Structures are given as C-alpha cells and as structure tokens.
C-alpha cells in the first residue's frame, strides 16, 4: 500500500466561481491513490458496502470508489454549500 500524505487545504470555495474552479481542477491522481489505499485497507473482506464521506466537496472520491468497489450505499456531506450541484451527477447508476 502506498503512503499518501494528506494536507489540509485552505477553504477556497466562498463563492460559486471559486467552487467551480476547484471542481475543474484535475484531482484524478490523488483521488485514485486514495481509493487504491482505501480498497487495500479493506483487505479481503472488502467491506465497503456502506460509505460515509464527510467534507466530500463535489463527491469525486466517493464516485471513484463506487466505480471500483461493491458500494451499496454512499452518504456524502459537505460544509461547502457552493459545491452542491457541482461535479458529476451522483444520482445516476455508475457503470
């Protein structure tokens, strides 16, 4: 398992324009590494059927996790109201 150092980010989403700019940034590599580590930590049990993501932003990490693991239910919460409605639609079935 790789070690991914997490660094808290300053709040940058006070306006709709800032939230949109944040959503358009390429987070692919770090999000995929995080999901890789989470799946590895779950081990053989792979018990990721129920997931809670606090501070989800535009929900890119739980969406990636749902694509790659047997997640049955995913709850997301974010303190950044400007992020709500941004990002891919999470109400659709993921293939």
N, C-alpha and C. Protein backbone atom coordinates (compact mmCIF):
# COMPACT_ATOMS: atom_id res chain seq x y z
N UNK A 1 0.86 -1.17 0.00
CA UNK A 1 0.00 0.00 0.00
C UNK A 1 0.90 1.23 0.00
N UNK A 2 0.58 2.18 -0.84
CA UNK A 2 1.35 3.42 -0.89
C UNK A 2 0.95 4.32 0.27
N UNK A 3 1.84 5.20 0.62
CA UNK A 3 1.54 6.17 1.68
C UNK A 3 1.21 7.49 1.01
N UNK A 4 0.03 7.99 1.30
CA UNK A 4 -0.43 9.24 0.72
C UNK A 4 -0.58 10.24 1.85
N UNK A 5 0.34 11.18 1.91
CA UNK A 5 0.24 12.22 2.93
C UNK A 5 -0.87 13.19 2.56
N UNK A 6 -1.79 13.38 3.48
CA UNK A 6 -2.90 14.30 3.24
C UNK A 6 -2.57 15.63 3.89
N UNK A 7 -2.78 16.68 3.17
CA UNK A 7 -2.53 18.03 3.67
C UNK A 7 -3.84 18.79 3.61
N UNK A 8 -4.25 19.33 4.74
CA UNK A 8 -5.48 20.10 4.75
C UNK A 8 -5.35 21.31 3.84
N UNK A 9 -6.38 21.55 3.09
CA UNK A 9 -6.38 22.67 2.17
C UNK A 9 -7.07 23.86 2.81
N UNK A 10 -6.64 25.06 2.48
CA UNK A 10 -7.38 26.23 2.96
C UNK A 10 -8.73 26.27 2.25
N UNK A 11 -9.71 26.82 2.90
CA UNK A 11 -11.03 26.94 2.29
C UNK A 11 -10.94 27.90 1.10
N UNK A 12 -11.30 27.42 -0.06
CA UNK A 12 -11.20 28.24 -1.27
C UNK A 12 -12.53 28.33 -2.01
N UNK A 13 -13.61 27.96 -1.35
CA UNK A 13 -14.88 27.92 -2.06
C UNK A 13 -15.93 28.80 -1.41
N UNK A 14 -15.58 30.07 -1.24
CA UNK A 14 -16.52 31.01 -0.65
C UNK A 14 -17.53 31.52 -1.67
N UNK A 15 -17.19 31.44 -2.94
CA UNK A 15 -18.09 31.92 -4.00
C UNK A 15 -18.36 30.78 -4.98
N UNK A 16 -19.40 30.94 -5.77
CA UNK A 16 -19.72 29.93 -6.78
C UNK A 16 -18.59 29.80 -7.79
N UNK A 17 -17.95 30.90 -8.16
CA UNK A 17 -16.84 30.86 -9.12
C UNK A 17 -15.66 30.07 -8.55
N UNK A 18 -15.35 30.25 -7.27
CA UNK A 18 -14.26 29.51 -6.64
C UNK A 18 -14.57 28.01 -6.59
N UNK A 19 -15.80 27.68 -6.27
CA UNK A 19 -16.20 26.26 -6.21
C UNK A 19 -16.11 25.63 -7.59
N UNK A 20 -16.52 26.35 -8.61
CA UNK A 20 -16.44 25.82 -9.97
C UNK A 20 -14.99 25.64 -10.40
N UNK A 21 -14.12 26.60 -10.08
CA UNK A 21 -12.71 26.49 -10.41
C UNK A 21 -12.09 25.29 -9.70
N UNK A 22 -12.44 25.06 -8.43
CA UNK A 22 -11.93 23.92 -7.68
C UNK A 22 -12.40 22.61 -8.32
N UNK A 23 -13.66 22.57 -8.72
CA UNK A 23 -14.21 21.36 -9.33
C UNK A 23 -13.53 21.05 -10.66
N UNK A 24 -13.09 22.06 -11.37
CA UNK A 24 -12.46 21.87 -12.68
C UNK A 24 -10.98 21.47 -12.57
N UNK A 25 -10.41 21.57 -11.37
CA UNK A 25 -9.02 21.15 -11.18
C UNK A 25 -8.92 19.64 -11.38
N UNK A 26 -7.77 19.18 -11.83
CA UNK A 26 -7.58 17.75 -12.03
C UNK A 26 -7.10 17.09 -10.74
N UNK A 27 -8.02 16.40 -10.07
CA UNK A 27 -7.73 15.69 -8.82
C UNK A 27 -7.59 14.19 -9.06
N UNK A 28 -7.53 13.78 -10.31
CA UNK A 28 -7.59 12.36 -10.66
C UNK A 28 -6.53 11.53 -9.95
N UNK A 29 -5.28 11.93 -10.04
CA UNK A 29 -4.19 11.10 -9.48
C UNK A 29 -4.32 10.93 -7.98
N UNK A 30 -4.54 12.01 -7.26
CA UNK A 30 -4.63 11.90 -5.80
C UNK A 30 -5.90 11.16 -5.38
N UNK A 31 -7.00 11.36 -6.08
CA UNK A 31 -8.23 10.65 -5.74
C UNK A 31 -8.09 9.15 -6.00
N UNK A 32 -7.47 8.78 -7.12
CA UNK A 32 -7.27 7.37 -7.43
C UNK A 32 -6.33 6.72 -6.41
N UNK A 33 -5.28 7.43 -6.00
CA UNK A 33 -4.36 6.89 -4.99
C UNK A 33 -5.09 6.69 -3.67
N UNK A 34 -5.94 7.63 -3.30
CA UNK A 34 -6.70 7.49 -2.05
C UNK A 34 -7.62 6.28 -2.11
N UNK A 35 -8.33 6.12 -3.22
CA UNK A 35 -9.24 4.97 -3.38
C UNK A 35 -8.45 3.67 -3.41
N UNK A 36 -7.29 3.64 -4.07
CA UNK A 36 -6.44 2.45 -4.05
C UNK A 36 -6.10 2.06 -2.61
N UNK A 37 -5.68 3.04 -1.82
CA UNK A 37 -5.30 2.78 -0.42
C UNK A 37 -6.50 2.33 0.41
N UNK A 38 -7.65 2.92 0.17
CA UNK A 38 -8.85 2.54 0.92
C UNK A 38 -9.25 1.10 0.60
N UNK A 39 -9.23 0.74 -0.66
CA UNK A 39 -9.57 -0.63 -1.06
C UNK A 39 -8.55 -1.61 -0.48
N UNK A 40 -7.28 -1.25 -0.53
CA UNK A 40 -6.24 -2.12 0.05
C UNK A 40 -6.43 -2.27 1.56
N UNK A 41 -6.80 -1.21 2.24
CA UNK A 41 -7.01 -1.27 3.69
C UNK A 41 -8.22 -2.14 4.04
N UNK A 42 -9.20 -2.19 3.16
CA UNK A 42 -10.37 -3.03 3.40
C UNK A 42 -10.00 -4.51 3.31
N UNK A 43 -8.92 -4.81 2.60
CA UNK A 43 -8.42 -6.18 2.52
C UNK A 43 -9.38 -7.12 1.83
N UNK A 44 -9.22 -8.39 2.18
CA UNK A 44 -10.04 -9.43 1.56
C UNK A 44 -11.51 -9.27 1.90
N UNK A 45 -11.81 -8.74 3.08
CA UNK A 45 -13.20 -8.55 3.46
C UNK A 45 -13.88 -7.57 2.50
N UNK A 46 -13.09 -6.59 2.01
CA UNK A 46 -13.59 -5.59 1.07
C UNK A 46 -14.94 -5.04 1.51
N UNK A 47 -15.06 -4.79 2.81
CA UNK A 47 -16.32 -4.33 3.37
C UNK A 47 -16.47 -2.82 3.18
N UNK A 48 -16.80 -2.45 1.97
CA UNK A 48 -17.03 -1.06 1.64
C UNK A 48 -18.46 -0.87 1.14
N UNK A 49 -19.38 -1.67 1.68
CA UNK A 49 -20.75 -1.61 1.18
C UNK A 49 -21.47 -0.35 1.63
N UNK A 50 -21.09 0.20 2.77
CA UNK A 50 -21.69 1.44 3.27
C UNK A 50 -20.58 2.44 3.52
N UNK A 51 -20.66 3.59 2.87
CA UNK A 51 -19.58 4.57 2.93
C UNK A 51 -20.14 5.93 3.34
N UNK A 52 -19.42 6.59 4.24
CA UNK A 52 -19.75 7.96 4.65
C UNK A 52 -18.55 8.84 4.35
N UNK A 53 -18.74 9.88 3.57
CA UNK A 53 -17.67 10.81 3.23
C UNK A 53 -18.04 12.18 3.78
N UNK A 54 -17.31 12.60 4.79
CA UNK A 54 -17.53 13.93 5.38
C UNK A 54 -16.59 14.92 4.73
N UNK A 55 -17.11 16.05 4.34
CA UNK A 55 -16.30 17.04 3.64
C UNK A 55 -16.06 16.63 2.20
N UNK A 56 -17.08 16.09 1.57
CA UNK A 56 -16.95 15.48 0.26
C UNK A 56 -16.69 16.44 -0.89
N UNK A 57 -16.96 17.71 -0.70
CA UNK A 57 -16.78 18.66 -1.81
C UNK A 57 -17.72 18.32 -2.94
N UNK A 58 -17.19 18.06 -4.11
CA UNK A 58 -18.03 17.72 -5.26
C UNK A 58 -18.17 16.21 -5.46
N UNK A 59 -17.82 15.43 -4.45
CA UNK A 59 -18.06 13.99 -4.38
C UNK A 59 -17.24 13.15 -5.36
N UNK A 60 -16.09 13.63 -5.78
CA UNK A 60 -15.30 12.87 -6.75
C UNK A 60 -14.70 11.59 -6.16
N UNK A 61 -14.33 11.59 -4.88
CA UNK A 61 -13.76 10.38 -4.27
C UNK A 61 -14.83 9.30 -4.10
N UNK A 62 -16.01 9.59 -3.53
CA UNK A 62 -17.00 8.51 -3.43
C UNK A 62 -17.47 8.00 -4.79
N UNK A 63 -17.49 8.87 -5.80
CA UNK A 63 -17.86 8.41 -7.14
C UNK A 63 -16.83 7.42 -7.66
N UNK A 64 -15.54 7.75 -7.50
CA UNK A 64 -14.47 6.83 -7.92
C UNK A 64 -14.55 5.51 -7.14
N UNK A 65 -14.82 5.60 -5.85
CA UNK A 65 -14.94 4.39 -5.03
C UNK A 65 -16.10 3.53 -5.51
N UNK A 66 -17.22 4.15 -5.81
CA UNK A 66 -18.39 3.39 -6.29
C UNK A 66 -18.12 2.71 -7.62
N UNK A 67 -17.27 3.28 -8.43
CA UNK A 67 -16.90 2.66 -9.71
C UNK A 67 -16.05 1.41 -9.51
N UNK A 68 -15.31 1.35 -8.40
CA UNK A 68 -14.30 0.31 -8.25
C UNK A 68 -14.53 -0.67 -7.11
N UNK A 69 -15.51 -0.44 -6.29
CA UNK A 69 -15.75 -1.32 -5.14
C UNK A 69 -17.26 -1.59 -5.02
N UNK A 70 -17.62 -2.66 -4.32
CA UNK A 70 -19.04 -3.02 -4.19
C UNK A 70 -19.77 -2.16 -3.16
N UNK A 71 -19.85 -0.87 -3.42
CA UNK A 71 -20.54 0.05 -2.51
C UNK A 71 -22.04 -0.06 -2.76
N UNK A 72 -22.79 -0.35 -1.69
CA UNK A 72 -24.24 -0.45 -1.79
C UNK A 72 -24.88 0.91 -1.53
N UNK A 73 -24.38 1.60 -0.49
CA UNK A 73 -24.91 2.92 -0.15
C UNK A 73 -23.76 3.87 0.14
N UNK A 74 -23.91 5.10 -0.31
CA UNK A 74 -22.89 6.12 -0.10
C UNK A 74 -23.57 7.39 0.38
N UNK A 75 -23.14 7.85 1.54
CA UNK A 75 -23.66 9.11 2.08
C UNK A 75 -22.54 10.13 2.01
N UNK A 76 -22.89 11.33 1.61
CA UNK A 76 -21.90 12.39 1.49
C UNK A 76 -22.41 13.65 2.17
N UNK A 77 -21.49 14.36 2.79
CA UNK A 77 -21.83 15.62 3.45
C UNK A 77 -20.70 16.60 3.22
N UNK A 78 -21.05 17.84 2.95
CA UNK A 78 -20.03 18.86 2.75
C UNK A 78 -20.44 20.15 3.42
N UNK A 79 -19.49 20.82 4.08
CA UNK A 79 -19.81 22.11 4.69
C UNK A 79 -19.74 23.25 3.66
N UNK A 80 -19.36 22.93 2.43
CA UNK A 80 -19.24 23.95 1.39
C UNK A 80 -20.49 23.96 0.52
N UNK A 81 -21.47 24.81 0.84
CA UNK A 81 -22.72 24.80 0.07
C UNK A 81 -22.52 25.13 -1.40
N UNK A 82 -21.44 25.82 -1.73
CA UNK A 82 -21.18 26.17 -3.13
C UNK A 82 -20.83 24.93 -3.97
N UNK A 83 -20.46 23.84 -3.31
CA UNK A 83 -20.11 22.61 -4.04
C UNK A 83 -21.34 21.80 -4.43
N UNK A 84 -22.44 22.02 -3.75
CA UNK A 84 -23.64 21.24 -4.03
C UNK A 84 -24.09 21.51 -5.46
N UNK A 85 -24.32 20.45 -6.18
CA UNK A 85 -24.75 20.56 -7.57
C UNK A 85 -23.61 20.58 -8.57
N UNK A 86 -22.37 20.68 -8.09
CA UNK A 86 -21.22 20.61 -8.98
C UNK A 86 -20.75 19.17 -9.09
N UNK A 87 -19.88 18.92 -10.02
CA UNK A 87 -19.34 17.57 -10.18
C UNK A 87 -20.31 16.70 -10.95
N UNK A 88 -19.91 15.46 -11.19
CA UNK A 88 -20.79 14.53 -11.93
C UNK A 88 -22.05 14.25 -11.15
N UNK A 89 -23.09 13.90 -11.86
CA UNK A 89 -24.34 13.55 -11.22
C UNK A 89 -24.16 12.27 -10.40
N UNK A 90 -24.46 12.35 -9.11
CA UNK A 90 -24.30 11.17 -8.27
C UNK A 90 -25.61 10.39 -8.14
N UNK A 91 -26.65 10.86 -8.81
CA UNK A 91 -27.93 10.16 -8.71
C UNK A 91 -28.06 9.09 -9.79
N UNK A 92 -27.12 9.05 -10.72
CA UNK A 92 -27.19 8.06 -11.78
C UNK A 92 -26.48 6.78 -11.38
N UNK A 93 -26.82 5.70 -12.04
CA UNK A 93 -26.14 4.43 -11.81
C UNK A 93 -24.77 4.50 -12.44
N UNK A 94 -23.76 4.08 -11.70
CA UNK A 94 -22.40 4.12 -12.21
C UNK A 94 -22.07 2.81 -12.89
N UNK A 95 -21.48 2.88 -14.06
CA UNK A 95 -21.07 1.67 -14.79
C UNK A 95 -19.62 1.37 -14.50
